[in-house]
Amino acid sequence: MTPFINVEIVVDDSTPVLQHLMQELTDLTPLNEYIGSTAAEGTRLHIRSAAESRHETSAALGATPTGYLTKRAELVSYTASSAGVELAVTGAIFRRVFGPVTIKPVAGKMLTIPWRAEAYGRRAREFGDLFVYVSKRGKGLAFLARREGKTIQLYYLLKSMVVLQQDTGLLPTEEQYAQGAEIGARGYLSKLLRN
């Protein structure tokens, strides 16, 4: 199951339009619906944009990007109530917004880190003929490898854990969410004025 990360947007009266609307409305749910819709779309756009600059591994391997972040962007959802808006983003990758993340194997004993283009975006079990190969050079690194003729090709580096550095750019900033809330509030105000 893919984890959810919830981002709570607390609507306060920090902008002129929000200040006016919050004084006039008795039920903030319709306003928060507009703010939630705007925040969700802004988050989708931000994640898609962030995805464009996060292909270091695939580029280094000469592999095609998997489109993981772009797919995650499509799953952004929101819930609005009179109390505020809650955004849900799906994917463990978003934990990196809040700090470094330590990844350890769940099902197996070791993590498999792609070492060549053919392995990128694929699970090791998709290859039926991989074997453990321990390098005799350097630090004795362990790999999953494949014999191709007389040559041994390294497919995955085996690691007991990795630490992924913090990446605050995966989601919008608080300031961007505040700007989105203002845009949503203006949209709601326009709707009220048309009625």
Protein backbone atom coordinates (compact mmCIF):
# COMPACT_ATOMS: atom_id res chain seq x y z
CA MET A 1 0.00 0.00 0.00
CA THR A 2 1.33 3.42 -0.91
CA PRO A 3 1.45 5.80 2.07
CA PHE A 4 -0.38 9.10 2.13
CA ILE A 5 1.11 12.35 3.34
CA ASN A 6 -1.45 14.88 4.51
CA VAL A 7 -0.82 18.59 4.21
CA GLU A 8 -3.13 20.67 6.35
CA ILE A 9 -4.03 24.10 5.04
CA VAL A 10 -5.30 26.32 7.81
CA VAL A 11 -7.34 29.14 6.36
CA ASP A 12 -6.79 32.31 8.36
CA ASP A 13 -7.44 35.94 7.65
CA SER A 14 -3.92 36.75 6.46
CA THR A 15 -5.00 38.21 3.11
CA PRO A 16 -7.55 40.97 2.46
CA VAL A 17 -10.02 38.82 0.53
CA LEU A 18 -9.87 36.01 3.09
CA GLN A 19 -10.26 38.51 5.92
CA HIS A 20 -13.43 39.93 4.37
CA LEU A 21 -14.93 36.55 3.51
CA MET A 22 -14.28 35.04 6.93
CA GLN A 23 -16.07 37.94 8.58
CA GLU A 24 -19.11 37.54 6.32
CA LEU A 25 -19.54 33.76 6.14
CA THR A 26 -21.15 31.60 8.78
CA ASP A 27 -20.21 28.30 7.06
CA LEU A 28 -16.71 28.27 5.58
CA THR A 29 -17.15 24.93 3.77
CA PRO A 30 -17.98 26.42 0.31
CA LEU A 31 -15.02 28.82 0.60
CA ASN A 32 -12.74 25.97 1.65
CA GLU A 33 -13.95 23.91 -1.33
CA TYR A 34 -12.64 26.64 -3.65
CA ILE A 35 -9.41 26.92 -1.69
CA GLY A 36 -8.99 23.12 -1.66
CA SER A 37 -9.57 22.82 -5.39
CA THR A 38 -7.04 25.58 -6.08
CA ALA A 39 -4.51 24.10 -3.63
CA ALA A 40 -4.84 20.61 -5.11
CA GLU A 41 -4.36 21.85 -8.66
CA GLY A 42 -1.43 24.04 -7.58
CA THR A 43 0.14 21.03 -5.87
CA ARG A 44 -0.32 18.89 -9.01
CA LEU A 45 1.34 21.57 -11.14
CA HIS A 46 4.19 21.97 -8.66
CA ILE A 47 4.89 18.21 -8.53
CA ARG A 48 4.83 17.96 -12.34
CA SER A 49 7.30 20.85 -12.52
CA ALA A 50 9.50 19.28 -9.82
CA ALA A 51 9.50 16.02 -11.75
CA GLU A 52 11.20 17.68 -14.71
CA SER A 53 14.40 18.32 -12.72
CA ARG A 54 14.65 15.05 -10.80
CA HIS A 55 16.10 12.60 -13.30
CA GLU A 56 19.71 12.42 -12.08
CA THR A 57 19.76 8.63 -11.67
CA SER A 58 18.08 7.81 -14.96
CA ALA A 59 20.30 10.34 -16.78
CA ALA A 60 23.45 8.90 -15.18
CA LEU A 61 22.45 5.39 -16.27
CA GLY A 62 21.23 6.45 -19.71
CA ALA A 63 17.76 5.14 -18.83
CA THR A 64 14.29 6.45 -19.57
CA PRO A 65 12.66 8.18 -16.55
CA THR A 66 9.81 6.20 -14.99
CA GLY A 67 7.45 9.18 -14.61
CA TYR A 68 6.90 8.28 -10.95
CA LEU A 69 6.41 11.86 -9.71
CA THR A 70 4.13 12.78 -12.60
CA LYS A 71 1.94 9.79 -11.73
CA ARG A 72 1.92 10.86 -8.06
CA ALA A 73 0.79 14.35 -9.10
CA GLU A 74 -2.40 12.91 -10.60
CA LEU A 75 -3.31 11.34 -7.24
CA VAL A 76 -3.37 14.59 -5.23
CA SER A 77 -6.75 15.00 -3.56
CA TYR A 78 -8.33 17.24 -0.96
CA THR A 79 -11.06 17.31 1.65
CA ALA A 80 -12.73 20.58 2.65
CA SER A 81 -14.79 21.31 5.72
CA SER A 82 -15.77 24.36 7.72
CA ALA A 83 -12.53 23.90 9.71
CA GLY A 84 -10.15 24.00 6.74
CA VAL A 85 -8.66 22.01 3.89
CA GLU A 86 -6.64 18.81 4.01
CA LEU A 87 -4.57 17.78 0.99
CA ALA A 88 -3.48 14.18 0.50
CA VAL A 89 -0.43 13.33 -1.59
CA THR A 90 0.30 9.68 -2.26
CA GLY A 91 3.80 8.27 -2.17
CA ALA A 92 6.55 7.72 0.37
CA ILE A 93 8.79 10.07 -1.62
CA PHE A 94 6.98 13.07 -0.11
CA ARG A 95 8.32 12.25 3.36
CA ARG A 96 11.55 13.80 2.05
CA VAL A 97 9.92 17.24 2.23
CA PHE A 98 10.11 17.05 6.03
CA GLY A 99 13.66 15.71 6.39
CA PRO A 100 16.09 12.98 5.31
CA VAL A 101 14.51 9.54 4.91
CA THR A 102 16.20 6.25 5.73
CA ILE A 103 15.12 3.43 3.44
CA LYS A 104 15.51 -0.18 4.57
CA PRO A 105 14.37 -3.35 2.82
CA VAL A 106 10.87 -4.52 3.67
CA ALA A 107 10.42 -7.83 1.87
CA GLY A 108 14.04 -8.86 1.23
CA LYS A 109 17.35 -8.60 3.02
CA MET A 110 18.90 -5.97 0.78
CA LEU A 111 17.85 -2.98 -1.30
CA THR A 112 18.52 -3.25 -5.02
CA ILE A 113 19.90 -0.01 -6.45
CA PRO A 114 19.85 0.06 -10.29
CA TRP A 115 23.38 0.00 -11.70
CA ARG A 116 22.62 0.01 -15.43
CA ALA A 117 19.90 1.32 -17.75
CA GLU A 118 18.19 -2.08 -18.20
CA ALA A 119 17.64 -2.33 -14.43
CA TYR A 120 16.24 1.18 -13.91
CA GLY A 121 12.50 1.16 -13.15
CA ARG A 122 12.39 -2.64 -12.94
CA ARG A 123 12.41 -5.03 -10.00
CA ALA A 124 15.28 -7.48 -9.71
CA ARG A 125 12.87 -10.43 -9.68
CA GLU A 126 11.86 -9.53 -13.24
CA PHE A 127 15.21 -10.96 -14.30
CA GLY A 128 15.33 -14.71 -13.89
CA ASP A 129 19.08 -15.19 -14.08
CA LEU A 130 20.64 -12.71 -11.66
CA PHE A 131 23.18 -13.90 -9.11
CA VAL A 132 25.08 -12.28 -6.24
CA TYR A 133 28.51 -11.03 -7.26
CA VAL A 134 30.96 -9.57 -4.75
CA SER A 135 33.51 -7.19 -6.21
CA LYS A 136 37.10 -8.06 -5.43
CA ARG A 137 38.14 -4.43 -5.87
CA GLY A 138 37.65 -1.57 -3.48
CA LYS A 139 35.35 -2.22 -0.56
CA GLY A 140 34.00 -5.58 -1.69
CA LEU A 141 30.65 -4.21 -2.84
CA ALA A 142 27.89 -6.74 -3.53
CA PHE A 143 25.81 -6.67 -6.70
CA LEU A 144 23.15 -8.65 -8.48
CA ALA A 145 24.78 -9.52 -11.77
CA ARG A 146 24.04 -11.37 -14.97
CA ARG A 147 26.38 -13.42 -17.10
CA GLU A 148 26.35 -12.31 -20.74
CA GLY A 149 28.65 -14.63 -22.62
CA LYS A 150 32.03 -14.49 -20.86
CA THR A 151 31.25 -11.10 -19.32
CA ILE A 152 29.60 -10.38 -16.00
CA GLN A 153 27.28 -7.37 -16.17
CA LEU A 154 26.36 -5.61 -12.92
CA TYR A 155 22.63 -4.84 -12.69
CA TYR A 156 21.94 -3.81 -9.09
CA LEU A 157 24.08 -2.63 -6.21
CA LEU A 158 23.01 -4.34 -2.98
CA LYS A 159 22.71 -2.11 0.09
CA SER A 160 21.32 -2.76 3.57
CA MET A 161 19.97 0.81 3.69
CA VAL A 162 20.18 4.21 2.01
CA VAL A 163 19.49 7.71 3.27
CA LEU A 164 17.69 10.04 0.88
CA GLN A 165 18.38 13.70 1.57
CA GLN A 166 15.65 16.20 2.36
CA ASP A 167 13.95 17.66 -0.71
CA THR A 168 11.64 20.52 0.23
CA GLY A 169 11.02 21.33 -3.43
CA LEU A 170 8.76 18.31 -3.93
CA LEU A 171 5.77 20.27 -2.57
CA PRO A 172 4.81 23.96 -2.64
CA THR A 173 5.98 26.24 0.16
CA GLU A 174 3.65 27.68 2.81
CA GLU A 175 3.82 30.99 0.95
CA GLN A 176 2.72 29.31 -2.29
CA TYR A 177 -0.17 27.66 -0.47
CA ALA A 178 -1.17 31.04 1.00
CA GLN A 179 -1.14 32.55 -2.51
CA GLY A 180 -3.26 29.64 -3.73
CA ALA A 181 -5.70 30.20 -0.88
CA GLU A 182 -6.03 33.85 -1.92
CA ILE A 183 -6.70 32.81 -5.54
CA GLY A 184 -9.31 30.28 -4.37
CA ALA A 185 -10.95 32.91 -2.15
CA ARG A 186 -11.06 35.39 -5.04
CA GLY A 187 -12.72 32.71 -7.18
CA TYR A 188 -15.31 32.09 -4.51
CA LEU A 189 -15.93 35.83 -4.08
CA SER A 190 -16.43 36.17 -7.86
CA LYS A 191 -19.01 33.37 -7.73
CA LEU A 192 -20.87 35.13 -4.90
CA LEU A 193 -20.89 38.41 -6.80
CA ARG A 194 -22.30 36.74 -9.93
CA ASN A 195 -25.24 35.28 -7.96
